[in-house]
Amino acid sequence: MNQTYYDAVTKMEQMGVDDEYIQGWQCGFLQNPKREEQRLTAAYEAGYSDGEEKTAGNFSNWIKP
């Protein structure tokens, strides 16, 4: 498995990042197709975009309260 992917997912889980964001990030990182439209959320779409860019800079914006 890709170490960058593993480290990012582990970090998000430890930080308490929203599950929707994590799922989006994972799909974007792996270049999977997006979910069907009725299941998209703001957190998922933000995660997907960040995953595509392979960026970890926005994780803290999606920590669950």
C-alpha atoms as a PDB file:
ATOM      1  CA  MET A   1       0.000   0.000   0.000  1.00  0.00           C
ATOM      2  CA  ASN A   2       1.114   3.532  -0.679  1.00  0.00           C
ATOM      3  CA  GLN A   3       2.738   4.967   2.472  1.00  0.00           C
ATOM      4  CA  THR A   4       1.488   8.498   1.736  1.00  0.00           C
ATOM      5  CA  TYR A   5      -2.092   7.205   1.557  1.00  0.00           C
ATOM      6  CA  TYR A   6      -1.740   5.147   4.735  1.00  0.00           C
ATOM      7  CA  ASP A   7      -0.135   7.994   6.696  1.00  0.00           C
ATOM      8  CA  ALA A   8      -2.801  10.493   5.584  1.00  0.00           C
ATOM      9  CA  VAL A   9      -5.731   8.221   6.476  1.00  0.00           C
ATOM     10  CA  THR A  10      -4.169   7.392   9.850  1.00  0.00           C
ATOM     11  CA  LYS A  11      -3.623  11.089  10.561  1.00  0.00           C
ATOM     12  CA  MET A  12      -7.220  11.994   9.633  1.00  0.00           C
ATOM     13  CA  GLU A  13      -8.604   9.238  11.851  1.00  0.00           C
ATOM     14  CA  GLN A  14      -6.430  10.336  14.785  1.00  0.00           C
ATOM     15  CA  MET A  15      -7.495  13.972  14.312  1.00  0.00           C
ATOM     16  CA  GLY A  16     -11.192  13.053  14.293  1.00  0.00           C
ATOM     17  CA  VAL A  17     -11.835  14.248  10.737  1.00  0.00           C
ATOM     18  CA  ASP A  18     -15.392  13.833   9.413  1.00  0.00           C
ATOM     19  CA  ASP A  19     -15.924  10.348   7.937  1.00  0.00           C
ATOM     20  CA  GLU A  20     -17.491  11.836   4.798  1.00  0.00           C
ATOM     21  CA  TYR A  21     -14.349  13.897   4.169  1.00  0.00           C
ATOM     22  CA  ILE A  22     -12.134  10.843   4.734  1.00  0.00           C
ATOM     23  CA  GLN A  23     -14.167   8.738   2.308  1.00  0.00           C
ATOM     24  CA  GLY A  24     -14.036  11.495  -0.287  1.00  0.00           C
ATOM     25  CA  TRP A  25     -10.298  11.945   0.188  1.00  0.00           C
ATOM     26  CA  GLN A  26      -9.701   8.222  -0.215  1.00  0.00           C
ATOM     27  CA  CYS A  27     -11.758   8.049  -3.424  1.00  0.00           C
ATOM     28  CA  GLY A  28     -10.064  11.124  -4.881  1.00  0.00           C
ATOM     29  CA  PHE A  29      -6.585   9.906  -3.959  1.00  0.00           C
ATOM     30  CA  LEU A  30      -7.247   6.518  -5.566  1.00  0.00           C
ATOM     31  CA  GLN A  31      -8.914   8.183  -8.575  1.00  0.00           C
ATOM     32  CA  ASN A  32     -12.146   6.281  -8.034  1.00  0.00           C
ATOM     33  CA  PRO A  33     -15.335   7.675  -9.559  1.00  0.00           C
ATOM     34  CA  LYS A  34     -17.373   9.964  -7.307  1.00  0.00           C
ATOM     35  CA  ARG A  35     -20.469   8.676  -5.571  1.00  0.00           C
ATOM     36  CA  GLU A  36     -23.832   9.076  -7.215  1.00  0.00           C
ATOM     37  CA  GLU A  37     -25.062  12.655  -7.013  1.00  0.00           C
ATOM     38  CA  GLN A  38     -27.756  12.161  -4.358  1.00  0.00           C
ATOM     39  CA  ARG A  39     -25.131  10.840  -1.915  1.00  0.00           C
ATOM     40  CA  LEU A  40     -22.651  13.720  -2.303  1.00  0.00           C
ATOM     41  CA  THR A  41     -22.021  15.981   0.681  1.00  0.00           C
ATOM     42  CA  ALA A  42     -19.898  19.103   1.074  1.00  0.00           C
ATOM     43  CA  ALA A  43     -17.409  17.162   3.221  1.00  0.00           C
ATOM     44  CA  TYR A  44     -17.170  14.325   0.690  1.00  0.00           C
ATOM     45  CA  GLU A  45     -16.647  16.680  -2.248  1.00  0.00           C
ATOM     46  CA  ALA A  46     -13.996  18.688  -0.379  1.00  0.00           C
ATOM     47  CA  GLY A  47     -12.235  15.464   0.561  1.00  0.00           C
ATOM     48  CA  TYR A  48     -12.423  14.199  -3.007  1.00  0.00           C
ATOM     49  CA  SER A  49     -10.828  17.378  -4.364  1.00  0.00           C
ATOM     50  CA  ASP A  50      -8.064  17.296  -1.747  1.00  0.00           C
ATOM     51  CA  GLY A  51      -7.482  13.590  -2.369  1.00  0.00           C
ATOM     52  CA  GLU A  52      -7.100  14.212  -6.098  1.00  0.00           C
ATOM     53  CA  GLU A  53      -4.481  16.852  -5.274  1.00  0.00           C
ATOM     54  CA  LYS A  54      -2.924  14.501  -2.695  1.00  0.00           C
ATOM     55  CA  THR A  55      -2.940  17.345  -0.192  1.00  0.00           C
ATOM     56  CA  ALA A  56      -3.232  17.099   3.585  1.00  0.00           C
ATOM     57  CA  GLY A  57      -3.478  20.833   4.207  1.00  0.00           C
ATOM     58  CA  ASN A  58      -7.235  20.994   4.815  1.00  0.00           C
ATOM     59  CA  PHE A  59      -7.707  18.104   7.247  1.00  0.00           C
ATOM     60  CA  SER A  60      -8.146  20.414  10.235  1.00  0.00           C
ATOM     61  CA  ASN A  61     -11.056  22.182   8.504  1.00  0.00           C
ATOM     62  CA  TRP A  62     -13.088  18.965   8.720  1.00  0.00           C
ATOM     63  CA  ILE A  63     -12.534  17.868  12.330  1.00  0.00           C
ATOM     64  CA  LYS A  64     -15.846  16.835  13.857  1.00  0.00           C
ATOM     65  CA  PRO A  65     -16.938  19.046  16.768  1.00  0.00           C
END
